[in-house]
Amino acid sequence: MFTKLKNNIAQKIITLVENNDKRKKQEKWNIFMSKPNINIHPSFSPKDADIFKGENNQIGNITISENFLLREYCNIVVFPNADLRIGKSVFFNNYCSINCLDKIEIGNDTIFGEGVRLYDHNHLIEKGEKLFVEKEKYMTSPIKIGKNCWIGSNTVILKGVTIGDNSIIGAGCVIHKSVPENTIMKNSQNLISQTL
């Protein structure tokens, strides 16, 4: 009898803590969505403001159309004065990230495999007697990904790239030049097997 009572009390405490966490998460989401530069369709999932980051508590313009779905461990960084636009029915698998300092556009019905990363910037490199990488200065150029594209797992898309509609980027590619529409890009590394 005492064990049953103890278990009931423990379950009520757990439920109270879980409900409190859900309430705090919802409040944080509501505050995030109230910002005038944030336009995210109500169908977005998961409704977690911690996915979105900026710089010095400031975040750029975000427009996300209906049915955008993120799986777990995804991050979206949009610096102040940057612009992120995501079309309808876009899907990001686990561990994807967007790093937007300029402008990134993603067309409708585009899907991303696990671990895809988008960077519309590079650190500025000073050339002199020695190369020096600036930690707080960047060179930027927009990224545009068309409609109905499939971006394979662990692909990295760099600044200034446009990927045309209906294109497929194979797993593990580093895309640093634009890709025409209706194109399949694949990483053609040659694997060498040696027997000892």
Protein backbone atom coordinates (compact mmCIF):
# COMPACT_ATOMS: atom_id res chain seq x y z
CA MET A 1 0.00 0.00 0.00
CA PHE A 2 2.78 2.44 0.94
CA THR A 3 4.71 1.55 -2.24
CA LYS A 4 1.63 2.24 -4.37
CA LEU A 5 1.12 5.64 -2.70
CA LYS A 6 4.81 6.48 -3.16
CA ASN A 7 4.61 5.56 -6.87
CA ASN A 8 1.46 7.68 -7.34
CA ILE A 9 3.15 10.70 -5.74
CA ALA A 10 6.28 10.21 -7.85
CA GLN A 11 4.17 9.99 -11.04
CA LYS A 12 2.30 13.20 -10.15
CA ILE A 13 5.60 15.04 -9.56
CA ILE A 14 6.96 13.79 -12.91
CA THR A 15 3.76 14.90 -14.68
CA LEU A 16 3.95 18.36 -13.05
CA VAL A 17 7.59 18.80 -14.13
CA GLU A 18 6.84 17.64 -17.71
CA ASN A 19 3.82 19.97 -17.98
CA ASN A 20 5.89 22.88 -16.65
CA ASP A 21 8.63 22.18 -19.25
CA LYS A 22 6.03 22.02 -22.05
CA ARG A 23 4.49 25.30 -20.89
CA LYS A 24 7.90 27.04 -20.83
CA LYS A 25 8.76 25.69 -24.30
CA GLN A 26 5.40 26.91 -25.65
CA GLU A 27 5.88 30.36 -24.08
CA LYS A 28 9.35 30.63 -25.63
CA TRP A 29 7.93 29.62 -29.04
CA ASN A 30 5.13 32.21 -28.76
CA ILE A 31 7.65 34.98 -27.96
CA PHE A 32 9.82 33.91 -30.91
CA MET A 33 6.83 33.86 -33.29
CA SER A 34 5.70 37.32 -32.17
CA LYS A 35 8.77 38.96 -33.74
CA PRO A 36 7.88 40.94 -36.90
CA ASN A 37 10.71 39.39 -38.96
CA ILE A 38 9.59 35.80 -38.26
CA ASN A 39 6.95 34.33 -40.60
CA ILE A 40 6.65 30.59 -39.99
CA HIS A 41 3.60 28.59 -41.07
CA PRO A 42 1.71 26.96 -38.15
CA SER A 43 2.35 23.49 -39.63
CA PHE A 44 6.09 23.79 -38.83
CA SER A 45 7.42 21.00 -36.66
CA PRO A 46 8.92 20.88 -34.10
CA LYS A 47 7.80 24.12 -32.49
CA ASP A 48 11.09 24.69 -30.69
CA ALA A 49 12.58 28.19 -30.60
CA ASP A 50 15.97 26.79 -29.53
CA ILE A 51 16.53 25.49 -33.10
CA PHE A 52 16.83 29.10 -34.32
CA LYS A 53 19.84 31.23 -33.46
CA GLY A 54 21.23 34.61 -34.46
CA GLU A 55 23.97 36.87 -33.17
CA ASN A 56 23.89 38.92 -29.95
CA ASN A 57 20.24 37.95 -29.35
CA GLN A 58 19.28 39.30 -32.78
CA ILE A 59 17.97 37.14 -35.62
CA GLY A 60 17.44 37.92 -39.30
CA ASN A 61 14.36 37.48 -41.50
CA ILE A 62 12.86 33.99 -41.60
CA THR A 63 10.03 32.91 -43.91
CA ILE A 64 8.98 29.26 -43.81
CA SER A 65 6.02 27.90 -45.82
CA GLU A 66 3.72 25.05 -44.84
CA ASN A 67 4.78 21.49 -44.08
CA PHE A 68 8.46 22.17 -43.32
CA LEU A 69 9.64 19.30 -41.14
CA LEU A 70 12.91 19.01 -39.20
CA ARG A 71 14.04 15.81 -37.59
CA GLU A 72 16.31 15.84 -34.52
CA TYR A 73 19.48 17.83 -33.81
CA CYS A 74 19.01 20.42 -36.58
CA ASN A 75 20.22 24.05 -36.23
CA ILE A 76 19.26 27.18 -38.11
CA VAL A 77 21.48 30.26 -37.70
CA VAL A 78 20.25 33.49 -39.31
CA PHE A 79 22.34 36.58 -38.58
CA PRO A 80 20.73 40.02 -38.31
CA ASN A 81 20.03 41.48 -41.79
CA ALA A 82 20.22 37.99 -43.35
CA ASP A 83 17.27 36.40 -45.13
CA LEU A 84 16.17 32.74 -45.02
CA ARG A 85 13.27 31.56 -47.21
CA ILE A 86 12.07 27.96 -47.20
CA GLY A 87 9.31 26.73 -49.53
CA LYS A 88 6.47 24.24 -49.07
CA SER A 89 6.95 20.61 -48.05
CA VAL A 90 10.69 20.84 -47.40
CA PHE A 91 12.20 18.09 -45.23
CA PHE A 92 15.47 18.11 -43.23
CA ASN A 93 16.69 14.82 -41.81
CA ASN A 94 18.72 14.54 -38.57
CA TYR A 95 21.79 16.75 -37.92
CA CYS A 96 21.22 19.26 -40.75
CA SER A 97 22.28 22.88 -40.33
CA ILE A 98 21.74 26.21 -42.08
CA ASN A 99 24.24 29.03 -41.49
CA CYS A 100 22.84 32.17 -43.10
CA LEU A 101 24.71 35.47 -42.99
CA ASP A 102 23.43 36.73 -46.37
CA LYS A 103 20.54 34.93 -48.10
CA ILE A 104 19.49 31.30 -48.48
CA GLU A 105 16.44 30.18 -50.48
CA ILE A 106 15.12 26.61 -50.65
CA GLY A 107 12.40 25.68 -53.15
CA ASN A 108 9.25 23.61 -52.64
CA ASP A 109 9.41 19.82 -52.21
CA THR A 110 13.17 19.68 -51.62
CA ILE A 111 14.49 17.02 -49.25
CA PHE A 112 17.77 16.85 -47.33
CA GLY A 113 19.51 13.71 -46.06
CA GLU A 114 21.23 13.53 -42.69
CA GLY A 115 24.06 15.92 -41.89
CA VAL A 116 23.61 18.38 -44.79
CA ARG A 117 25.20 21.79 -44.13
CA LEU A 118 24.60 25.11 -45.90
CA TYR A 119 27.08 28.02 -45.54
CA ASP A 120 26.48 31.25 -47.48
CA HIS A 121 29.77 32.68 -46.19
CA ASN A 122 33.49 32.10 -45.63
CA HIS A 123 35.75 33.67 -43.07
CA LEU A 124 37.73 36.52 -44.61
CA ILE A 125 41.36 35.58 -45.27
CA GLU A 126 44.02 38.28 -45.08
CA LYS A 127 47.01 37.62 -47.31
CA GLY A 128 50.39 39.02 -46.36
CA GLU A 129 53.61 37.43 -45.28
CA LYS A 130 51.40 34.89 -43.53
CA LEU A 131 47.79 33.92 -44.14
CA PHE A 132 45.47 35.19 -41.43
CA VAL A 133 41.86 34.05 -40.97
CA GLU A 134 39.59 36.78 -39.61
CA LYS A 135 37.36 35.38 -36.89
CA GLU A 136 34.70 38.10 -37.06
CA LYS A 137 34.78 39.13 -40.76
CA TYR A 138 33.13 37.21 -43.58
CA MET A 139 32.75 37.08 -47.35
CA THR A 140 29.15 36.22 -48.26
CA SER A 141 27.16 35.24 -51.34
CA PRO A 142 23.59 33.84 -51.51
CA ILE A 143 22.65 30.18 -51.89
CA LYS A 144 19.60 29.20 -53.92
CA ILE A 145 18.32 25.63 -54.05
CA GLY A 146 15.54 24.94 -56.52
CA LYS A 147 12.30 22.99 -56.32
CA ASN A 148 12.06 19.21 -56.10
CA CYS A 149 15.73 18.62 -55.29
CA TRP A 150 17.23 15.81 -53.26
CA ILE A 151 20.37 16.68 -51.33
CA GLY A 152 22.16 13.52 -50.13
CA SER A 153 23.54 12.92 -46.64
CA ASN A 154 26.67 14.77 -45.50
CA THR A 155 26.64 17.19 -48.42
CA VAL A 156 28.11 20.66 -47.85
CA ILE A 157 26.76 23.55 -49.95
CA LEU A 158 28.95 26.66 -49.99
CA LYS A 159 28.41 30.35 -50.69
CA GLY A 160 27.36 31.58 -54.12
CA VAL A 161 25.87 28.25 -55.24
CA THR A 162 22.63 27.87 -57.17
CA ILE A 163 21.21 24.37 -57.55
CA GLY A 164 18.62 24.14 -60.31
CA ASP A 165 15.19 22.54 -60.03
CA ASN A 166 14.86 18.73 -60.04
CA SER A 167 18.53 18.11 -59.26
CA ILE A 168 20.02 15.33 -57.15
CA ILE A 169 23.21 15.81 -55.15
CA GLY A 170 24.79 12.52 -54.08
CA ALA A 171 25.92 11.83 -50.53
CA GLY A 172 29.18 13.37 -49.37
CA CYS A 173 29.53 16.05 -52.05
CA VAL A 174 31.03 19.49 -51.44
CA ILE A 175 29.13 21.83 -53.77
CA HIS A 176 31.14 25.01 -54.43
CA LYS A 177 29.92 25.72 -57.99
CA SER A 178 26.39 26.07 -59.32
CA VAL A 179 24.51 23.01 -60.59
CA PRO A 180 22.12 23.24 -63.60
CA GLU A 181 18.54 22.00 -63.30
CA ASN A 182 17.81 18.30 -63.93
CA THR A 183 21.36 17.28 -62.98
CA ILE A 184 22.71 14.42 -60.90
CA MET A 185 25.94 15.22 -59.05
CA LYS A 186 27.85 12.44 -57.33
CA ASN A 187 31.10 12.07 -55.49
CA SER A 188 33.22 9.83 -57.73
CA GLN A 189 35.98 8.90 -55.36
CA ASN A 190 37.89 5.79 -56.30
CA LEU A 191 38.15 3.30 -53.48
CA ILE A 192 41.38 1.30 -53.45
CA SER A 193 41.49 -2.09 -51.77
CA GLN A 194 44.82 -3.60 -50.80
CA THR A 195 45.40 -7.06 -49.44
CA LEU A 196 48.21 -7.43 -46.95
